[in-house]
Amino acid sequence: MTLCDAGPMVALIDRRDAYHARCSAALAGLPPGGLMTTWACLAEAMYILGEAGGWTFQQALWRYFHRGVLQLHAPGHDEWERAYVLMSDYFDTPMDLADASLVVAAEKLGSRRVFTVDRHFHIYRQQQGQTFEVVP
């Protein structure tokens, strides 16, 4: 399973996106297990896709869920608290809620691989100091 940020979700659907070709190629090369995202990343992607292409683009993202390519991680209460701590720790980077939710999901699920175009994931660390394997 690979954690997925909003950027690749947008890039995979919007062919005009600067990262479209790179993210499409990376998706094809990911190991089995599919993609996992968070509510915060999904909300961000839906907003951006709505602005870029309206319901047609948003519907395309929903199809990733229907086909089982993308799954949603539902956070527990402790994960929201951890996201707050991370955003406080990285306030000067800065870290937004979507990024914090992915770091927390990685910690909870024991995952290091994140599909993102966000360079901050080269800086972020998990609770035990683990780095991320950033794709692409």
N, C-alpha and C. Protein backbone atom coordinates (compact mmCIF):
# COMPACT_ATOMS: atom_id res chain seq x y z
N MET A 1 0.84 -1.17 0.00
CA MET A 1 0.00 0.00 0.00
C MET A 1 0.89 1.24 0.00
N THR A 2 0.49 2.21 -0.82
CA THR A 2 1.23 3.47 -0.95
C THR A 2 0.31 4.61 -0.54
N LEU A 3 0.78 5.46 0.35
CA LEU A 3 -0.01 6.63 0.74
C LEU A 3 0.01 7.63 -0.41
N CYS A 4 -1.12 8.30 -0.62
CA CYS A 4 -1.25 9.20 -1.77
C CYS A 4 -1.70 10.60 -1.34
N ASP A 5 -0.92 11.57 -1.72
CA ASP A 5 -1.20 12.98 -1.46
C ASP A 5 -2.16 13.52 -2.52
N ALA A 6 -2.66 14.72 -2.33
CA ALA A 6 -3.60 15.34 -3.26
C ALA A 6 -2.99 15.60 -4.64
N GLY A 7 -1.73 16.02 -4.67
CA GLY A 7 -1.08 16.39 -5.93
C GLY A 7 -1.16 15.31 -6.99
N PRO A 8 -0.76 14.07 -6.70
CA PRO A 8 -0.87 13.02 -7.70
C PRO A 8 -2.30 12.70 -8.11
N MET A 9 -3.25 12.80 -7.17
CA MET A 9 -4.65 12.56 -7.54
C MET A 9 -5.07 13.56 -8.61
N VAL A 10 -4.70 14.81 -8.43
CA VAL A 10 -5.02 15.85 -9.40
C VAL A 10 -4.28 15.60 -10.70
N ALA A 11 -2.99 15.33 -10.60
CA ALA A 11 -2.16 15.15 -11.80
C ALA A 11 -2.62 13.96 -12.65
N LEU A 12 -3.05 12.89 -12.02
CA LEU A 12 -3.49 11.72 -12.77
C LEU A 12 -4.73 12.00 -13.59
N ILE A 13 -5.56 12.90 -13.13
CA ILE A 13 -6.83 13.19 -13.80
C ILE A 13 -6.73 14.36 -14.76
N ASP A 14 -6.01 15.39 -14.37
CA ASP A 14 -5.90 16.60 -15.20
C ASP A 14 -4.67 16.49 -16.10
N ARG A 15 -4.89 16.17 -17.36
CA ARG A 15 -3.79 15.98 -18.31
C ARG A 15 -2.98 17.26 -18.53
N ARG A 16 -3.55 18.41 -18.16
CA ARG A 16 -2.82 19.68 -18.30
C ARG A 16 -1.87 19.93 -17.14
N ASP A 17 -1.98 19.15 -16.10
CA ASP A 17 -1.14 19.33 -14.91
C ASP A 17 0.32 19.04 -15.27
N ALA A 18 1.22 19.84 -14.74
CA ALA A 18 2.65 19.70 -15.03
C ALA A 18 3.21 18.34 -14.62
N TYR A 19 2.58 17.68 -13.67
CA TYR A 19 3.06 16.39 -13.17
C TYR A 19 2.30 15.20 -13.75
N HIS A 20 1.42 15.43 -14.72
CA HIS A 20 0.58 14.34 -15.24
C HIS A 20 1.40 13.15 -15.74
N ALA A 21 2.32 13.37 -16.65
CA ALA A 21 3.09 12.27 -17.25
C ALA A 21 3.92 11.56 -16.19
N ARG A 22 4.55 12.31 -15.33
CA ARG A 22 5.40 11.74 -14.28
C ARG A 22 4.60 10.89 -13.30
N CYS A 23 3.44 11.39 -12.89
CA CYS A 23 2.60 10.65 -11.95
C CYS A 23 1.97 9.42 -12.60
N SER A 24 1.58 9.53 -13.85
CA SER A 24 1.01 8.38 -14.56
C SER A 24 2.04 7.26 -14.67
N ALA A 25 3.27 7.61 -15.01
CA ALA A 25 4.33 6.60 -15.11
C ALA A 25 4.63 6.00 -13.74
N ALA A 26 4.66 6.82 -12.72
CA ALA A 26 4.94 6.34 -11.36
C ALA A 26 3.85 5.39 -10.88
N LEU A 27 2.60 5.71 -11.16
CA LEU A 27 1.48 4.86 -10.74
C LEU A 27 1.63 3.46 -11.33
N ALA A 28 2.00 3.40 -12.60
CA ALA A 28 2.17 2.11 -13.26
C ALA A 28 3.28 1.28 -12.63
N GLY A 29 4.26 1.94 -12.02
CA GLY A 29 5.40 1.24 -11.43
C GLY A 29 5.30 0.96 -9.95
N LEU A 30 4.20 1.37 -9.32
CA LEU A 30 4.06 1.13 -7.88
C LEU A 30 3.79 -0.34 -7.59
N PRO A 31 4.24 -0.81 -6.44
CA PRO A 31 3.98 -2.21 -6.08
C PRO A 31 2.49 -2.45 -5.84
N PRO A 32 2.05 -3.69 -5.88
CA PRO A 32 0.64 -4.01 -5.64
C PRO A 32 0.20 -3.54 -4.25
N GLY A 33 -1.07 -3.37 -4.09
CA GLY A 33 -1.62 -2.97 -2.80
C GLY A 33 -2.45 -1.71 -2.90
N GLY A 34 -2.38 -1.02 -4.01
CA GLY A 34 -3.20 0.16 -4.21
C GLY A 34 -2.72 1.39 -3.47
N LEU A 35 -3.53 2.41 -3.55
CA LEU A 35 -3.24 3.70 -2.93
C LEU A 35 -4.16 3.94 -1.75
N MET A 36 -3.65 4.59 -0.73
CA MET A 36 -4.43 4.96 0.45
C MET A 36 -4.26 6.46 0.64
N THR A 37 -5.38 7.15 0.84
CA THR A 37 -5.32 8.59 1.10
C THR A 37 -6.11 8.91 2.36
N THR A 38 -6.13 10.18 2.72
CA THR A 38 -6.83 10.64 3.91
C THR A 38 -7.94 11.60 3.51
N TRP A 39 -8.84 11.86 4.45
CA TRP A 39 -9.93 12.79 4.17
C TRP A 39 -9.41 14.17 3.78
N ALA A 40 -8.39 14.63 4.47
CA ALA A 40 -7.85 15.96 4.17
C ALA A 40 -7.29 16.03 2.76
N CYS A 41 -6.58 14.99 2.34
CA CYS A 41 -6.03 14.95 0.98
C CYS A 41 -7.14 14.83 -0.06
N LEU A 42 -8.14 14.01 0.24
CA LEU A 42 -9.27 13.86 -0.68
C LEU A 42 -10.00 15.19 -0.85
N ALA A 43 -10.25 15.89 0.25
CA ALA A 43 -10.95 17.17 0.17
C ALA A 43 -10.14 18.18 -0.65
N GLU A 44 -8.83 18.21 -0.44
CA GLU A 44 -7.97 19.13 -1.19
C GLU A 44 -8.00 18.79 -2.68
N ALA A 45 -7.88 17.51 -3.01
CA ALA A 45 -7.90 17.09 -4.41
C ALA A 45 -9.24 17.40 -5.06
N MET A 46 -10.34 17.12 -4.36
CA MET A 46 -11.67 17.39 -4.92
C MET A 46 -11.85 18.89 -5.20
N TYR A 47 -11.37 19.72 -4.30
CA TYR A 47 -11.47 21.17 -4.49
C TYR A 47 -10.69 21.60 -5.74
N ILE A 48 -9.44 21.17 -5.83
CA ILE A 48 -8.60 21.56 -6.96
C ILE A 48 -9.18 21.03 -8.27
N LEU A 49 -9.62 19.78 -8.26
CA LEU A 49 -10.21 19.20 -9.48
C LEU A 49 -11.50 19.92 -9.87
N GLY A 50 -12.29 20.32 -8.88
CA GLY A 50 -13.51 21.08 -9.16
C GLY A 50 -13.21 22.39 -9.85
N GLU A 51 -12.17 23.06 -9.38
CA GLU A 51 -11.75 24.33 -10.00
C GLU A 51 -11.19 24.11 -11.41
N ALA A 52 -10.47 23.01 -11.60
CA ALA A 52 -9.80 22.76 -12.87
C ALA A 52 -10.71 22.19 -13.95
N GLY A 53 -11.66 21.34 -13.53
CA GLY A 53 -12.49 20.68 -14.55
C GLY A 53 -13.90 20.36 -14.12
N GLY A 54 -14.31 20.88 -12.96
CA GLY A 54 -15.68 20.69 -12.51
C GLY A 54 -15.99 19.24 -12.14
N TRP A 55 -17.28 18.94 -12.21
CA TRP A 55 -17.77 17.62 -11.80
C TRP A 55 -17.13 16.49 -12.61
N THR A 56 -16.81 16.72 -13.86
CA THR A 56 -16.20 15.68 -14.69
C THR A 56 -14.89 15.20 -14.07
N PHE A 57 -14.05 16.13 -13.63
CA PHE A 57 -12.79 15.76 -13.00
C PHE A 57 -13.03 15.12 -11.63
N GLN A 58 -13.96 15.66 -10.86
CA GLN A 58 -14.25 15.09 -9.55
C GLN A 58 -14.80 13.67 -9.69
N GLN A 59 -15.65 13.47 -10.67
CA GLN A 59 -16.21 12.14 -10.92
C GLN A 59 -15.11 11.15 -11.30
N ALA A 60 -14.13 11.60 -12.04
CA ALA A 60 -13.01 10.74 -12.41
C ALA A 60 -12.26 10.27 -11.16
N LEU A 61 -12.12 11.16 -10.18
CA LEU A 61 -11.47 10.77 -8.93
C LEU A 61 -12.32 9.74 -8.18
N TRP A 62 -13.63 9.95 -8.15
CA TRP A 62 -14.51 8.98 -7.49
C TRP A 62 -14.35 7.59 -8.12
N ARG A 63 -14.11 7.54 -9.42
CA ARG A 63 -13.94 6.24 -10.09
C ARG A 63 -12.71 5.49 -9.57
N TYR A 64 -11.69 6.20 -9.13
CA TYR A 64 -10.53 5.52 -8.53
C TYR A 64 -10.97 4.74 -7.29
N PHE A 65 -11.90 5.29 -6.52
CA PHE A 65 -12.43 4.58 -5.35
C PHE A 65 -13.29 3.41 -5.77
N HIS A 66 -14.17 3.63 -6.74
CA HIS A 66 -15.07 2.58 -7.20
C HIS A 66 -14.31 1.38 -7.77
N ARG A 67 -13.18 1.64 -8.41
CA ARG A 67 -12.38 0.56 -9.00
C ARG A 67 -11.41 -0.06 -7.99
N GLY A 68 -11.34 0.49 -6.80
CA GLY A 68 -10.47 -0.05 -5.77
C GLY A 68 -9.01 0.36 -5.89
N VAL A 69 -8.73 1.32 -6.76
CA VAL A 69 -7.37 1.82 -6.92
C VAL A 69 -6.98 2.67 -5.72
N LEU A 70 -7.95 3.38 -5.18
CA LEU A 70 -7.73 4.31 -4.08
C LEU A 70 -8.66 3.94 -2.93
N GLN A 71 -8.10 3.93 -1.72
CA GLN A 71 -8.86 3.66 -0.51
C GLN A 71 -8.71 4.85 0.43
N LEU A 72 -9.64 4.95 1.38
CA LEU A 72 -9.63 6.07 2.31
C LEU A 72 -9.30 5.58 3.72
N HIS A 73 -8.30 6.19 4.32
CA HIS A 73 -7.94 5.90 5.71
C HIS A 73 -8.76 6.81 6.62
N ALA A 74 -9.52 6.21 7.52
CA ALA A 74 -10.33 6.98 8.47
C ALA A 74 -9.54 7.12 9.77
N PRO A 75 -9.24 8.35 10.17
CA PRO A 75 -8.42 8.55 11.37
C PRO A 75 -9.18 8.35 12.66
N GLY A 76 -8.47 7.88 13.67
CA GLY A 76 -9.01 7.83 15.02
C GLY A 76 -8.75 9.15 15.71
N HIS A 77 -9.32 9.35 16.88
CA HIS A 77 -9.17 10.61 17.61
C HIS A 77 -7.69 10.90 17.90
N ASP A 78 -6.93 9.88 18.25
CA ASP A 78 -5.52 10.08 18.55
C ASP A 78 -4.76 10.61 17.34
N GLU A 79 -5.22 10.27 16.15
CA GLU A 79 -4.54 10.74 14.94
C GLU A 79 -4.76 12.24 14.71
N TRP A 80 -5.93 12.74 15.07
CA TRP A 80 -6.16 14.18 14.93
C TRP A 80 -5.25 14.95 15.88
N GLU A 81 -5.09 14.42 17.08
CA GLU A 81 -4.21 15.07 18.06
C GLU A 81 -2.76 15.06 17.56
N ARG A 82 -2.33 13.94 16.99
CA ARG A 82 -0.97 13.83 16.46
C ARG A 82 -0.77 14.80 15.30
N ALA A 83 -1.80 14.98 14.45
CA ALA A 83 -1.71 15.94 13.34
C ALA A 83 -1.48 17.35 13.88
N TYR A 84 -2.17 17.69 14.96
CA TYR A 84 -1.98 19.00 15.59
C TYR A 84 -0.53 19.17 16.04
N VAL A 85 0.02 18.14 16.69
CA VAL A 85 1.40 18.20 17.17
C VAL A 85 2.36 18.38 16.00
N LEU A 86 2.16 17.62 14.94
CA LEU A 86 3.03 17.74 13.76
C LEU A 86 2.96 19.13 13.14
N MET A 87 1.75 19.67 12.99
CA MET A 87 1.60 21.01 12.40
C MET A 87 2.29 22.05 13.29
N SER A 88 2.24 21.84 14.59
CA SER A 88 2.94 22.75 15.52
C SER A 88 4.45 22.62 15.35
N ASP A 89 4.93 21.39 15.26
CA ASP A 89 6.36 21.15 15.11
C ASP A 89 6.91 21.70 13.79
N TYR A 90 6.13 21.60 12.74
CA TYR A 90 6.58 22.01 11.41
C TYR A 90 5.96 23.34 10.95
N PHE A 91 5.53 24.17 11.90
CA PHE A 91 4.84 25.41 11.54
C PHE A 91 5.65 26.29 10.60
N ASP A 92 6.97 26.23 10.70
CA ASP A 92 7.81 27.10 9.88
C ASP A 92 8.17 26.48 8.52
N THR A 93 7.71 25.25 8.26
CA THR A 93 8.02 24.61 6.97
C THR A 93 7.14 25.16 5.85
N PRO A 94 5.88 25.37 5.93
CA PRO A 94 4.89 24.93 6.91
C PRO A 94 4.32 23.57 6.52
N MET A 95 3.60 22.96 7.46
CA MET A 95 2.90 21.71 7.21
C MET A 95 1.41 21.99 7.26
N ASP A 96 0.71 21.62 6.18
CA ASP A 96 -0.74 21.80 6.19
C ASP A 96 -1.42 20.54 6.72
N LEU A 97 -2.74 20.59 6.88
CA LEU A 97 -3.48 19.47 7.45
C LEU A 97 -3.37 18.23 6.58
N ALA A 98 -3.41 18.39 5.27
CA ALA A 98 -3.31 17.23 4.38
C ALA A 98 -1.98 16.51 4.59
N ASP A 99 -0.88 17.26 4.63
CA ASP A 99 0.43 16.65 4.85
C ASP A 99 0.50 15.98 6.22
N ALA A 100 0.01 16.65 7.24
CA ALA A 100 0.02 16.08 8.58
C ALA A 100 -0.79 14.79 8.63
N SER A 101 -1.91 14.77 7.95
CA SER A 101 -2.74 13.56 7.96
C SER A 101 -2.03 12.39 7.30
N LEU A 102 -1.22 12.66 6.28
CA LEU A 102 -0.46 11.58 5.64
C LEU A 102 0.67 11.07 6.53
N VAL A 103 1.34 11.97 7.22
CA VAL A 103 2.41 11.54 8.13
C VAL A 103 1.82 10.68 9.25
N VAL A 104 0.69 11.10 9.78
CA VAL A 104 0.03 10.35 10.85
C VAL A 104 -0.45 8.99 10.33
N ALA A 105 -1.03 8.96 9.15
CA ALA A 105 -1.47 7.68 8.56
C ALA A 105 -0.27 6.76 8.35
N ALA A 106 0.84 7.31 7.92
CA ALA A 106 2.06 6.51 7.73
C ALA A 106 2.49 5.88 9.05
N GLU A 107 2.46 6.67 10.11
CA GLU A 107 2.83 6.17 11.43
C GLU A 107 1.88 5.06 11.87
N LYS A 108 0.60 5.29 11.70
CA LYS A 108 -0.43 4.34 12.14
C LYS A 108 -0.36 3.03 11.34
N LEU A 109 -0.12 3.14 10.04
CA LEU A 109 -0.14 1.98 9.16
C LEU A 109 1.23 1.32 8.97
N GLY A 110 2.27 1.94 9.52
CA GLY A 110 3.61 1.40 9.37
C GLY A 110 4.12 1.48 7.93
N SER A 111 3.82 2.58 7.27
CA SER A 111 4.19 2.76 5.87
C SER A 111 5.22 3.88 5.72
N ARG A 112 6.09 3.75 4.75
CA ARG A 112 7.07 4.82 4.48
C ARG A 112 6.89 5.41 3.09
N ARG A 113 6.20 4.72 2.19
CA ARG A 113 6.10 5.17 0.80
C ARG A 113 4.94 6.17 0.65
N VAL A 114 5.25 7.33 0.08
CA VAL A 114 4.22 8.34 -0.16
C VAL A 114 4.33 8.82 -1.60
N PHE A 115 3.20 8.81 -2.28
CA PHE A 115 3.07 9.26 -3.66
C PHE A 115 2.69 10.73 -3.59
N THR A 116 3.66 11.60 -3.88
CA THR A 116 3.45 13.04 -3.71
C THR A 116 4.37 13.82 -4.64
N VAL A 117 3.97 15.02 -4.96
CA VAL A 117 4.83 15.96 -5.69
C VAL A 117 5.29 17.08 -4.76
N ASP A 118 4.99 16.92 -3.49
CA ASP A 118 5.32 17.90 -2.45
C ASP A 118 6.72 17.64 -1.92
N ARG A 119 7.61 18.58 -2.12
CA ARG A 119 9.01 18.42 -1.70
C ARG A 119 9.17 18.37 -0.18
N HIS A 120 8.17 18.81 0.58
CA HIS A 120 8.27 18.79 2.04
C HIS A 120 8.41 17.38 2.60
N PHE A 121 7.97 16.38 1.86
CA PHE A 121 8.07 15.01 2.37
C PHE A 121 9.51 14.51 2.43
N HIS A 122 10.42 15.26 1.85
CA HIS A 122 11.84 14.94 2.01
C HIS A 122 12.35 15.46 3.36
N ILE A 123 11.59 16.38 3.96
CA ILE A 123 11.95 16.98 5.24
C ILE A 123 11.23 16.30 6.40
N TYR A 124 9.95 16.00 6.21
CA TYR A 124 9.14 15.42 7.28
C TYR A 124 9.72 14.09 7.77
N ARG A 125 9.53 13.86 9.07
CA ARG A 125 9.93 12.61 9.70
C ARG A 125 8.76 12.04 10.48
N GLN A 126 8.71 10.72 10.54
CA GLN A 126 7.71 10.06 11.36
C GLN A 126 8.15 10.11 12.82
N GLN A 127 7.27 9.69 13.70
CA GLN A 127 7.49 9.81 15.14
C GLN A 127 8.80 9.17 15.59
N GLN A 128 9.18 8.06 14.99
CA GLN A 128 10.42 7.38 15.38
C GLN A 128 11.61 7.83 14.52
N GLY A 129 11.45 8.93 13.77
CA GLY A 129 12.53 9.48 12.98
C GLY A 129 12.66 8.92 11.56
N GLN A 130 11.75 8.02 11.17
CA GLN A 130 11.83 7.42 9.84
C GLN A 130 11.59 8.47 8.76
N THR A 131 12.35 8.32 7.69
CA THR A 131 12.18 9.17 6.52
C THR A 131 11.14 8.55 5.60
N PHE A 132 10.75 9.29 4.59
CA PHE A 132 9.77 8.80 3.62
C PHE A 132 10.45 8.39 2.33
N GLU A 133 9.91 7.37 1.72
CA GLU A 133 10.28 6.99 0.35
C GLU A 133 9.31 7.76 -0.54
N VAL A 134 9.79 8.81 -1.19
CA VAL A 134 8.93 9.69 -1.97
C VAL A 134 8.87 9.21 -3.42
N VAL A 135 7.66 9.03 -3.92
CA VAL A 135 7.40 8.63 -5.30
C VAL A 135 6.57 9.75 -5.93
N PRO A 136 6.82 10.27 -7.09
CA PRO A 136 7.84 9.82 -8.03
C PRO A 136 9.19 10.36 -7.68
